[in-house]
Amino acid sequence: MKNTFIIFLGLIILLAACTFDYGQSDDGEKETPDLIMENVEYVRVRAADQIARFQAERAERYEKQGVMKLMNFSFEQYGEKGEEVNALGKAGYASIDIETGDVNMDEGVWIEVESENIILETKQLEWKDEPRTLNTGPENEVNIYQESGTSFTGIGLFVDARNRTYEFIGVVSGIFIPGDEEEE
């Protein structure tokens, strides 16, 4: 029994003297999400009206970074009083800045804006909420389609949603078919 006690005491002293290297902690970027949700549906409401809804196969929230990462993401944005869908889209991946509302979508982006009668397809797209701009980056190819048959392919799209202007940074090619103008 005395030998067992000495061995036990020796193990305790040995374990107390050991240190384990867990690697350096980088407080700036936490790799493990604070919250993981699967098959998520989120509805944003303002003054009792739905303004947006998103769905994701997987959502990961990182509190220190203030970021929500979404996999297989889709969304709908509603028009006035939440009655009709004005815009809808999807992406394989999206990262949302929780504080600013900025969204970076990647891995195949498809967006349809009903009020503009436009469909946009690209690999990557960034939405900046405060200035209300969309940007694909200078090297990304973008395809734009309209129901009228108009279609453009260009490199590096910048959209100012407030002023309703579209600008390509690189080469653009396509077909423009004027829509029917309503007579006054």
N, C-alpha and C. Protein backbone atom coordinates (compact mmCIF):
# COMPACT_ATOMS: atom_id res chain seq x y z
N MET A 1 0.82 -1.18 0.00
CA MET A 1 0.00 0.00 0.00
C MET A 1 0.87 1.24 0.00
N LYS A 2 1.99 1.19 0.75
CA LYS A 2 2.90 2.31 0.81
C LYS A 2 3.49 2.57 -0.57
N ASN A 3 3.82 1.50 -1.33
CA ASN A 3 4.36 1.65 -2.67
C ASN A 3 3.33 2.26 -3.62
N THR A 4 2.08 1.88 -3.48
CA THR A 4 1.02 2.43 -4.30
C THR A 4 0.88 3.92 -4.04
N PHE A 5 0.96 4.33 -2.74
CA PHE A 5 0.85 5.73 -2.39
C PHE A 5 2.01 6.53 -2.98
N ILE A 6 3.22 6.00 -2.93
CA ILE A 6 4.41 6.68 -3.46
C ILE A 6 4.29 6.81 -4.98
N ILE A 7 3.83 5.76 -5.66
CA ILE A 7 3.65 5.82 -7.12
C ILE A 7 2.58 6.85 -7.45
N PHE A 8 1.47 6.86 -6.69
CA PHE A 8 0.39 7.82 -6.91
C PHE A 8 0.89 9.25 -6.70
N LEU A 9 1.65 9.49 -5.61
CA LEU A 9 2.20 10.80 -5.31
C LEU A 9 3.20 11.21 -6.39
N GLY A 10 4.01 10.28 -6.87
CA GLY A 10 4.97 10.56 -7.94
C GLY A 10 4.26 10.97 -9.23
N LEU A 11 3.15 10.30 -9.57
CA LEU A 11 2.38 10.65 -10.76
C LEU A 11 1.78 12.05 -10.65
N ILE A 12 1.29 12.40 -9.46
CA ILE A 12 0.71 13.73 -9.26
C ILE A 12 1.79 14.79 -9.44
N ILE A 13 2.96 14.58 -8.86
CA ILE A 13 4.06 15.54 -8.98
C ILE A 13 4.49 15.64 -10.44
N LEU A 14 4.59 14.52 -11.12
CA LEU A 14 4.99 14.50 -12.52
C LEU A 14 3.97 15.25 -13.38
N LEU A 15 2.66 15.01 -13.18
CA LEU A 15 1.63 15.70 -13.95
C LEU A 15 1.60 17.19 -13.64
N ALA A 16 1.84 17.57 -12.38
CA ALA A 16 1.86 18.98 -12.02
C ALA A 16 3.04 19.70 -12.66
N ALA A 17 4.13 19.00 -12.87
CA ALA A 17 5.32 19.60 -13.46
C ALA A 17 5.24 19.68 -14.98
N CYS A 18 4.34 18.93 -15.62
CA CYS A 18 4.23 18.92 -17.08
C CYS A 18 3.48 20.14 -17.57
N THR A 19 3.89 20.61 -18.74
CA THR A 19 3.15 21.67 -19.42
C THR A 19 2.82 21.15 -20.80
N PHE A 20 1.71 21.61 -21.32
CA PHE A 20 1.28 21.20 -22.64
C PHE A 20 1.28 22.42 -23.55
N ASP A 21 1.79 22.25 -24.76
CA ASP A 21 1.81 23.34 -25.72
C ASP A 21 0.57 23.22 -26.60
N TYR A 22 -0.37 24.14 -26.42
CA TYR A 22 -1.59 24.14 -27.21
C TYR A 22 -1.46 25.03 -28.44
N GLY A 23 -0.27 25.55 -28.69
CA GLY A 23 -0.08 26.47 -29.80
C GLY A 23 -0.38 27.88 -29.33
N GLN A 24 -0.02 28.84 -30.16
CA GLN A 24 -0.25 30.22 -29.77
C GLN A 24 -1.69 30.59 -30.05
N SER A 25 -2.25 31.31 -29.11
CA SER A 25 -3.62 31.77 -29.26
C SER A 25 -3.63 33.09 -30.02
N ASP A 26 -4.42 33.16 -31.04
CA ASP A 26 -4.57 34.39 -31.81
C ASP A 26 -5.94 34.96 -31.48
N ASP A 27 -5.97 35.90 -30.54
CA ASP A 27 -7.24 36.46 -30.11
C ASP A 27 -7.95 37.23 -31.21
N GLY A 28 -7.20 37.68 -32.23
CA GLY A 28 -7.79 38.46 -33.30
C GLY A 28 -8.70 37.65 -34.19
N GLU A 29 -8.45 36.36 -34.31
CA GLU A 29 -9.25 35.56 -35.22
C GLU A 29 -9.55 34.20 -34.61
N LYS A 30 -10.76 34.04 -34.16
CA LYS A 30 -11.18 32.80 -33.53
C LYS A 30 -11.62 31.83 -34.60
N GLU A 31 -11.05 30.65 -34.59
CA GLU A 31 -11.35 29.65 -35.61
C GLU A 31 -12.63 28.86 -35.32
N THR A 32 -12.99 28.72 -34.07
CA THR A 32 -14.16 27.96 -33.69
C THR A 32 -15.36 28.90 -33.58
N PRO A 33 -16.45 28.59 -34.28
CA PRO A 33 -17.62 29.47 -34.19
C PRO A 33 -18.23 29.44 -32.79
N ASP A 34 -18.83 30.57 -32.41
CA ASP A 34 -19.52 30.64 -31.13
C ASP A 34 -20.89 29.97 -31.20
N LEU A 35 -21.45 29.93 -32.41
CA LEU A 35 -22.77 29.33 -32.59
C LEU A 35 -22.82 28.69 -33.97
N ILE A 36 -23.33 27.47 -34.04
CA ILE A 36 -23.51 26.77 -35.32
C ILE A 36 -24.98 26.37 -35.40
N MET A 37 -25.59 26.70 -36.55
CA MET A 37 -26.99 26.33 -36.76
C MET A 37 -27.08 25.66 -38.13
N GLU A 38 -27.97 24.70 -38.25
CA GLU A 38 -28.17 24.02 -39.52
C GLU A 38 -29.62 24.19 -39.96
N ASN A 39 -29.81 24.25 -41.29
CA ASN A 39 -31.13 24.45 -41.88
C ASN A 39 -31.83 25.66 -41.26
N VAL A 40 -31.21 26.81 -41.43
CA VAL A 40 -31.65 28.06 -40.81
C VAL A 40 -32.57 28.84 -41.73
N GLU A 41 -33.60 29.42 -41.17
CA GLU A 41 -34.44 30.38 -41.86
C GLU A 41 -34.58 31.59 -40.94
N TYR A 42 -34.24 32.77 -41.47
CA TYR A 42 -34.25 34.01 -40.70
C TYR A 42 -35.11 35.02 -41.43
N VAL A 43 -36.03 35.65 -40.73
CA VAL A 43 -36.90 36.67 -41.32
C VAL A 43 -36.64 37.99 -40.59
N ARG A 44 -36.32 39.03 -41.37
CA ARG A 44 -36.10 40.36 -40.80
C ARG A 44 -37.39 41.16 -40.97
N VAL A 45 -37.84 41.76 -39.86
CA VAL A 45 -39.11 42.48 -39.84
C VAL A 45 -38.86 43.92 -39.38
N ARG A 46 -39.53 44.87 -40.04
CA ARG A 46 -39.48 46.28 -39.63
C ARG A 46 -40.90 46.80 -39.65
N ALA A 47 -41.35 47.37 -38.54
CA ALA A 47 -42.70 47.92 -38.40
C ALA A 47 -43.76 46.89 -38.81
N ALA A 48 -43.59 45.67 -38.34
CA ALA A 48 -44.51 44.55 -38.57
C ALA A 48 -44.55 44.04 -40.01
N ASP A 49 -43.67 44.54 -40.87
CA ASP A 49 -43.60 44.08 -42.26
C ASP A 49 -42.30 43.31 -42.49
N GLN A 50 -42.41 42.19 -43.21
CA GLN A 50 -41.20 41.46 -43.59
C GLN A 50 -40.42 42.31 -44.59
N ILE A 51 -39.11 42.47 -44.34
CA ILE A 51 -38.30 43.19 -45.31
C ILE A 51 -37.31 42.26 -46.01
N ALA A 52 -36.95 41.16 -45.34
CA ALA A 52 -36.03 40.21 -45.96
C ALA A 52 -36.14 38.86 -45.26
N ARG A 53 -35.76 37.83 -46.02
CA ARG A 53 -35.71 36.49 -45.46
C ARG A 53 -34.51 35.79 -46.06
N PHE A 54 -33.75 35.08 -45.24
CA PHE A 54 -32.68 34.27 -45.79
C PHE A 54 -32.74 32.87 -45.23
N GLN A 55 -32.22 31.95 -46.02
CA GLN A 55 -32.13 30.55 -45.62
C GLN A 55 -30.70 30.10 -45.87
N ALA A 56 -30.22 29.19 -45.05
CA ALA A 56 -28.89 28.64 -45.22
C ALA A 56 -28.87 27.21 -44.73
N GLU A 57 -28.07 26.42 -45.41
CA GLU A 57 -27.89 25.03 -44.99
C GLU A 57 -27.14 24.98 -43.66
N ARG A 58 -26.19 25.92 -43.51
CA ARG A 58 -25.39 25.99 -42.27
C ARG A 58 -25.03 27.45 -42.02
N ALA A 59 -25.14 27.86 -40.76
CA ALA A 59 -24.75 29.22 -40.35
C ALA A 59 -23.80 29.12 -39.17
N GLU A 60 -22.72 29.88 -39.24
CA GLU A 60 -21.75 29.92 -38.16
C GLU A 60 -21.57 31.38 -37.74
N ARG A 61 -21.71 31.63 -36.45
CA ARG A 61 -21.58 33.00 -35.93
C ARG A 61 -20.28 33.12 -35.13
N TYR A 62 -19.49 34.15 -35.45
CA TYR A 62 -18.23 34.44 -34.79
C TYR A 62 -18.36 35.79 -34.10
N GLU A 63 -18.56 35.78 -32.79
CA GLU A 63 -18.84 36.99 -32.03
C GLU A 63 -17.69 37.99 -32.06
N LYS A 64 -16.45 37.54 -31.78
CA LYS A 64 -15.31 38.46 -31.74
C LYS A 64 -15.09 39.15 -33.08
N GLN A 65 -15.29 38.44 -34.16
CA GLN A 65 -15.10 39.01 -35.48
C GLN A 65 -16.34 39.77 -35.96
N GLY A 66 -17.47 39.55 -35.32
CA GLY A 66 -18.71 40.19 -35.72
C GLY A 66 -19.18 39.71 -37.09
N VAL A 67 -19.02 38.40 -37.34
CA VAL A 67 -19.30 37.83 -38.66
C VAL A 67 -20.23 36.62 -38.55
N MET A 68 -21.11 36.51 -39.52
CA MET A 68 -21.95 35.32 -39.68
C MET A 68 -21.57 34.72 -41.03
N LYS A 69 -21.17 33.45 -41.05
CA LYS A 69 -20.81 32.75 -42.28
C LYS A 69 -21.91 31.76 -42.62
N LEU A 70 -22.36 31.81 -43.88
CA LEU A 70 -23.48 31.00 -44.32
C LEU A 70 -23.08 30.11 -45.49
N MET A 71 -23.48 28.86 -45.47
CA MET A 71 -23.21 27.93 -46.55
C MET A 71 -24.52 27.60 -47.25
N ASN A 72 -24.48 27.54 -48.59
CA ASN A 72 -25.67 27.32 -49.41
C ASN A 72 -26.77 28.28 -48.98
N PHE A 73 -26.52 29.53 -49.26
CA PHE A 73 -27.30 30.69 -48.83
C PHE A 73 -28.28 31.11 -49.91
N SER A 74 -29.52 31.44 -49.52
CA SER A 74 -30.48 32.04 -50.43
C SER A 74 -31.22 33.14 -49.69
N PHE A 75 -31.73 34.13 -50.45
CA PHE A 75 -32.41 35.24 -49.81
C PHE A 75 -33.55 35.77 -50.67
N GLU A 76 -34.45 36.47 -50.01
CA GLU A 76 -35.53 37.21 -50.66
C GLU A 76 -35.61 38.56 -49.97
N GLN A 77 -35.74 39.62 -50.77
CA GLN A 77 -35.95 40.96 -50.23
C GLN A 77 -37.32 41.40 -50.69
N TYR A 78 -38.12 41.90 -49.75
CA TYR A 78 -39.50 42.27 -50.06
C TYR A 78 -39.63 43.75 -50.38
N GLY A 79 -40.62 44.06 -51.21
CA GLY A 79 -40.93 45.45 -51.54
C GLY A 79 -41.68 46.11 -50.40
N GLU A 80 -42.35 47.19 -50.71
CA GLU A 80 -43.09 47.93 -49.69
C GLU A 80 -44.11 47.05 -48.98
N LYS A 81 -44.18 47.23 -47.67
CA LYS A 81 -45.13 46.53 -46.79
C LYS A 81 -44.96 45.02 -46.83
N GLY A 82 -43.83 44.52 -47.31
CA GLY A 82 -43.53 43.10 -47.28
C GLY A 82 -44.45 42.23 -48.08
N GLU A 83 -45.13 42.81 -49.07
CA GLU A 83 -46.12 42.05 -49.81
C GLU A 83 -45.55 41.26 -50.97
N GLU A 84 -44.60 41.84 -51.70
CA GLU A 84 -44.05 41.17 -52.88
C GLU A 84 -42.54 41.04 -52.78
N VAL A 85 -42.02 39.97 -53.36
CA VAL A 85 -40.58 39.80 -53.42
C VAL A 85 -40.04 40.72 -54.50
N ASN A 86 -39.08 41.58 -54.12
CA ASN A 86 -38.48 42.51 -55.06
C ASN A 86 -37.16 41.96 -55.62
N ALA A 87 -36.43 41.26 -54.78
CA ALA A 87 -35.14 40.69 -55.21
C ALA A 87 -34.97 39.34 -54.54
N LEU A 88 -34.33 38.42 -55.24
CA LEU A 88 -34.01 37.12 -54.66
C LEU A 88 -32.68 36.66 -55.23
N GLY A 89 -32.03 35.77 -54.50
CA GLY A 89 -30.75 35.31 -54.96
C GLY A 89 -30.23 34.14 -54.16
N LYS A 90 -29.04 33.67 -54.58
CA LYS A 90 -28.41 32.56 -53.88
C LYS A 90 -26.91 32.58 -54.13
N ALA A 91 -26.19 31.93 -53.24
CA ALA A 91 -24.74 31.79 -53.35
C ALA A 91 -24.31 30.55 -52.57
N GLY A 92 -23.21 29.96 -52.97
CA GLY A 92 -22.69 28.80 -52.25
C GLY A 92 -22.17 29.16 -50.87
N TYR A 93 -21.74 30.42 -50.73
CA TYR A 93 -21.15 30.88 -49.48
C TYR A 93 -21.45 32.37 -49.32
N ALA A 94 -21.69 32.81 -48.10
CA ALA A 94 -21.86 34.24 -47.81
C ALA A 94 -21.30 34.54 -46.43
N SER A 95 -20.70 35.71 -46.32
CA SER A 95 -20.19 36.20 -45.05
C SER A 95 -20.85 37.56 -44.80
N ILE A 96 -21.49 37.70 -43.63
CA ILE A 96 -22.22 38.92 -43.31
C ILE A 96 -21.56 39.61 -42.13
N ASP A 97 -21.22 40.89 -42.30
CA ASP A 97 -20.72 41.70 -41.20
C ASP A 97 -21.93 42.10 -40.37
N ILE A 98 -22.00 41.61 -39.15
CA ILE A 98 -23.18 41.79 -38.31
C ILE A 98 -23.43 43.26 -38.00
N GLU A 99 -22.39 44.04 -37.81
CA GLU A 99 -22.55 45.45 -37.45
C GLU A 99 -22.96 46.32 -38.63
N THR A 100 -22.31 46.12 -39.80
CA THR A 100 -22.55 47.02 -40.94
C THR A 100 -23.62 46.52 -41.89
N GLY A 101 -23.89 45.22 -41.91
CA GLY A 101 -24.83 44.66 -42.87
C GLY A 101 -24.20 44.38 -44.22
N ASP A 102 -22.88 44.57 -44.35
CA ASP A 102 -22.17 44.26 -45.59
C ASP A 102 -22.16 42.75 -45.80
N VAL A 103 -22.30 42.33 -47.06
CA VAL A 103 -22.36 40.90 -47.37
C VAL A 103 -21.38 40.59 -48.49
N ASN A 104 -20.59 39.55 -48.32
CA ASN A 104 -19.70 39.06 -49.36
C ASN A 104 -20.19 37.67 -49.75
N MET A 105 -20.62 37.53 -51.00
CA MET A 105 -21.13 36.25 -51.50
C MET A 105 -20.11 35.65 -52.45
N ASP A 106 -19.98 34.32 -52.44
CA ASP A 106 -18.98 33.64 -53.26
C ASP A 106 -19.49 32.27 -53.66
N GLU A 107 -18.71 31.60 -54.49
CA GLU A 107 -18.99 30.23 -54.94
C GLU A 107 -20.26 30.16 -55.79
N GLY A 108 -20.39 31.10 -56.71
CA GLY A 108 -21.52 31.10 -57.62
C GLY A 108 -22.66 31.94 -57.10
N VAL A 109 -22.81 33.15 -57.62
CA VAL A 109 -23.84 34.08 -57.16
C VAL A 109 -24.86 34.27 -58.27
N TRP A 110 -26.13 34.18 -57.92
CA TRP A 110 -27.23 34.41 -58.85
C TRP A 110 -28.21 35.33 -58.15
N ILE A 111 -28.53 36.49 -58.79
CA ILE A 111 -29.47 37.45 -58.20
C ILE A 111 -30.45 37.90 -59.26
N GLU A 112 -31.73 37.95 -58.88
CA GLU A 112 -32.76 38.50 -59.75
C GLU A 112 -33.41 39.68 -59.03
N VAL A 113 -33.43 40.84 -59.71
CA VAL A 113 -34.06 42.04 -59.17
C VAL A 113 -35.28 42.32 -60.03
N GLU A 114 -36.44 42.02 -59.49
CA GLU A 114 -37.69 42.13 -60.25
C GLU A 114 -37.98 43.56 -60.69
N SER A 115 -37.76 44.54 -59.80
CA SER A 115 -38.07 45.93 -60.13
C SER A 115 -37.20 46.48 -61.26
N GLU A 116 -36.03 45.90 -61.46
CA GLU A 116 -35.12 46.32 -62.52
C GLU A 116 -35.19 45.37 -63.72
N ASN A 117 -35.99 44.29 -63.61
CA ASN A 117 -36.09 43.29 -64.66
C ASN A 117 -34.70 42.81 -65.09
N ILE A 118 -33.92 42.35 -64.11
CA ILE A 118 -32.54 41.99 -64.39
C ILE A 118 -32.14 40.74 -63.60
N ILE A 119 -31.34 39.89 -64.22
CA ILE A 119 -30.73 38.73 -63.56
C ILE A 119 -29.23 38.88 -63.70
N LEU A 120 -28.52 38.67 -62.62
CA LEU A 120 -27.07 38.83 -62.58
C LEU A 120 -26.45 37.51 -62.11
N GLU A 121 -25.42 37.04 -62.82
CA GLU A 121 -24.69 35.83 -62.42
C GLU A 121 -23.20 36.14 -62.42
N THR A 122 -22.51 35.72 -61.37
CA THR A 122 -21.07 35.91 -61.26
C THR A 122 -20.52 34.93 -60.23
N LYS A 123 -19.22 34.86 -60.11
CA LYS A 123 -18.60 33.97 -59.13
C LYS A 123 -18.65 34.57 -57.73
N GLN A 124 -18.36 35.88 -57.62
CA GLN A 124 -18.25 36.55 -56.33
C GLN A 124 -18.88 37.92 -56.42
N LEU A 125 -19.52 38.36 -55.33
CA LEU A 125 -20.17 39.66 -55.31
C LEU A 125 -20.17 40.20 -53.89
N GLU A 126 -19.88 41.50 -53.76
CA GLU A 126 -19.85 42.13 -52.45
C GLU A 126 -20.88 43.25 -52.39
N TRP A 127 -21.71 43.25 -51.34
CA TRP A 127 -22.71 44.29 -51.11
C TRP A 127 -22.23 45.15 -49.94
N LYS A 128 -22.13 46.45 -50.15
CA LYS A 128 -21.81 47.41 -49.08
C LYS A 128 -23.12 48.12 -48.76
N ASP A 129 -23.60 47.94 -47.54
CA ASP A 129 -24.93 48.40 -47.17
C ASP A 129 -25.04 49.92 -47.08
N GLU A 130 -24.10 50.59 -46.42
CA GLU A 130 -24.21 52.04 -46.23
C GLU A 130 -24.20 52.81 -47.55
N PRO A 131 -23.23 52.58 -48.44
CA PRO A 131 -23.27 53.32 -49.71
C PRO A 131 -24.23 52.71 -50.73
N ARG A 132 -24.77 51.49 -50.41
CA ARG A 132 -25.71 50.78 -51.30
C ARG A 132 -25.05 50.44 -52.64
N THR A 133 -23.90 49.76 -52.57
CA THR A 133 -23.17 49.40 -53.79
C THR A 133 -22.93 47.90 -53.86
N LEU A 134 -22.82 47.41 -55.11
CA LEU A 134 -22.43 46.04 -55.42
C LEU A 134 -21.12 46.10 -56.19
N ASN A 135 -20.23 45.14 -55.92
CA ASN A 135 -18.94 45.11 -56.58
C ASN A 135 -18.50 43.67 -56.75
N THR A 136 -18.07 43.31 -57.97
CA THR A 136 -17.61 41.94 -58.20
C THR A 136 -16.10 41.80 -58.11
N GLY A 137 -15.39 42.88 -58.03
CA GLY A 137 -13.95 42.83 -58.11
C GLY A 137 -13.52 42.99 -59.55
N PRO A 138 -12.31 43.46 -59.78
CA PRO A 138 -11.88 43.86 -61.12
C PRO A 138 -11.68 42.73 -62.12
N GLU A 139 -11.58 41.49 -61.68
CA GLU A 139 -11.29 40.40 -62.61
C GLU A 139 -12.42 39.40 -62.80
N ASN A 140 -13.52 39.59 -62.11
CA ASN A 140 -14.63 38.62 -62.18
C ASN A 140 -15.51 38.87 -63.39
N GLU A 141 -15.84 37.78 -64.07
CA GLU A 141 -16.78 37.85 -65.19
C GLU A 141 -18.21 37.91 -64.65
N VAL A 142 -19.03 38.73 -65.30
CA VAL A 142 -20.41 38.93 -64.87
C VAL A 142 -21.33 38.77 -66.08
N ASN A 143 -22.42 38.04 -65.90
CA ASN A 143 -23.45 37.91 -66.93
C ASN A 143 -24.71 38.59 -66.44
N ILE A 144 -25.28 39.44 -67.31
CA ILE A 144 -26.52 40.14 -66.98
C ILE A 144 -27.54 39.83 -68.06
N TYR A 145 -28.75 39.46 -67.63
CA TYR A 145 -29.82 39.10 -68.54
C TYR A 145 -31.08 39.90 -68.21
N GLN A 146 -31.88 40.15 -69.26
CA GLN A 146 -33.21 40.73 -69.07
C GLN A 146 -34.21 39.89 -69.85
N GLU A 147 -35.45 39.95 -69.42
CA GLU A 147 -36.52 39.18 -70.06
C GLU A 147 -36.66 39.54 -71.54
N SER A 148 -36.34 40.77 -71.90
CA SER A 148 -36.48 41.24 -73.29
C SER A 148 -35.52 40.54 -74.24
N GLY A 149 -34.52 39.84 -73.71
CA GLY A 149 -33.51 39.20 -74.53
C GLY A 149 -32.17 39.90 -74.45
N THR A 150 -32.13 41.05 -73.81
CA THR A 150 -30.86 41.75 -73.60
C THR A 150 -29.96 40.88 -72.74
N SER A 151 -28.69 40.76 -73.15
CA SER A 151 -27.72 40.03 -72.33
C SER A 151 -26.34 40.64 -72.54
N PHE A 152 -25.63 40.78 -71.42
CA PHE A 152 -24.28 41.33 -71.44
C PHE A 152 -23.36 40.42 -70.66
N THR A 153 -22.12 40.34 -71.09
CA THR A 153 -21.06 39.71 -70.33
C THR A 153 -19.95 40.73 -70.22
N GLY A 154 -19.49 40.95 -69.01
CA GLY A 154 -18.43 41.94 -68.80
C GLY A 154 -17.52 41.53 -67.67
N ILE A 155 -16.46 42.29 -67.51
CA ILE A 155 -15.47 42.03 -66.46
C ILE A 155 -15.55 43.15 -65.44
N GLY A 156 -15.64 42.78 -64.16
CA GLY A 156 -15.59 43.74 -63.07
C GLY A 156 -16.74 44.71 -63.03
N LEU A 157 -17.83 44.33 -62.42
CA LEU A 157 -19.03 45.17 -62.35
C LEU A 157 -19.05 45.97 -61.06
N PHE A 158 -19.44 47.25 -61.17
CA PHE A 158 -19.70 48.11 -60.01
C PHE A 158 -21.09 48.70 -60.20
N VAL A 159 -21.95 48.54 -59.17
CA VAL A 159 -23.32 49.05 -59.23
C VAL A 159 -23.54 50.00 -58.06
N ASP A 160 -24.05 51.19 -58.37
CA ASP A 160 -24.47 52.15 -57.36
C ASP A 160 -26.00 52.08 -57.33
N ALA A 161 -26.54 51.40 -56.33
CA ALA A 161 -28.00 51.16 -56.27
C ALA A 161 -28.78 52.45 -56.03
N ARG A 162 -28.20 53.40 -55.32
CA ARG A 162 -28.91 54.67 -55.06
C ARG A 162 -29.11 55.45 -56.35
N ASN A 163 -28.08 55.51 -57.18
CA ASN A 163 -28.15 56.27 -58.43
C ASN A 163 -28.56 55.41 -59.63
N ARG A 164 -28.72 54.10 -59.37
CA ARG A 164 -29.12 53.16 -60.42
C ARG A 164 -28.17 53.20 -61.61
N THR A 165 -26.87 53.14 -61.31
CA THR A 165 -25.86 53.13 -62.37
C THR A 165 -25.07 51.83 -62.31
N TYR A 166 -24.72 51.32 -63.49
CA TYR A 166 -23.94 50.10 -63.66
C TYR A 166 -22.69 50.46 -64.42
N GLU A 167 -21.54 49.96 -63.98
CA GLU A 167 -20.29 50.26 -64.66
C GLU A 167 -19.42 49.01 -64.69
N PHE A 168 -18.95 48.65 -65.88
CA PHE A 168 -18.00 47.55 -66.02
C PHE A 168 -16.59 48.13 -66.05
N ILE A 169 -15.66 47.45 -65.40
CA ILE A 169 -14.28 47.90 -65.37
C ILE A 169 -13.53 47.42 -66.61
N GLY A 170 -13.87 46.21 -67.08
CA GLY A 170 -13.16 45.62 -68.21
C GLY A 170 -14.05 45.51 -69.44
N VAL A 171 -13.66 44.61 -70.32
CA VAL A 171 -14.32 44.39 -71.60
C VAL A 171 -15.78 43.96 -71.39
N VAL A 172 -16.67 44.50 -72.25
CA VAL A 172 -18.09 44.17 -72.20
C VAL A 172 -18.54 43.78 -73.60
N SER A 173 -19.35 42.74 -73.70
CA SER A 173 -19.94 42.37 -74.98
C SER A 173 -21.35 41.88 -74.71
N GLY A 174 -22.20 41.98 -75.74
CA GLY A 174 -23.55 41.49 -75.55
C GLY A 174 -24.52 42.05 -76.56
N ILE A 175 -25.78 41.83 -76.26
CA ILE A 175 -26.87 42.25 -77.14
C ILE A 175 -27.82 43.10 -76.32
N PHE A 176 -28.16 44.28 -76.86
CA PHE A 176 -29.14 45.15 -76.21
C PHE A 176 -30.41 45.17 -77.05
N ILE A 177 -31.51 44.80 -76.46
CA ILE A 177 -32.81 44.83 -77.13
C ILE A 177 -33.67 45.82 -76.35
N PRO A 178 -34.01 46.97 -76.97
CA PRO A 178 -34.81 47.95 -76.25
C PRO A 178 -36.18 47.39 -75.88
N GLY A 179 -36.63 47.70 -74.68
CA GLY A 179 -37.94 47.24 -74.23
C GLY A 179 -39.03 48.15 -74.78
N ASP A 180 -40.27 47.68 -74.70
CA ASP A 180 -41.40 48.47 -75.15
C ASP A 180 -41.59 49.66 -74.21
N GLU A 181 -41.64 50.86 -74.76
CA GLU A 181 -41.91 52.06 -73.98
C GLU A 181 -43.42 52.26 -73.93
N GLU A 182 -43.92 52.53 -72.75
CA GLU A 182 -45.36 52.77 -72.62
C GLU A 182 -45.70 54.15 -73.17
N GLU A 183 -46.78 54.21 -73.93
CA GLU A 183 -47.21 55.49 -74.48
C GLU A 183 -47.95 56.27 -73.41
N GLU A 184 -47.72 57.62 -73.44
CA GLU A 184 -48.38 58.47 -72.43
C GLU A 184 -49.60 59.10 -72.99
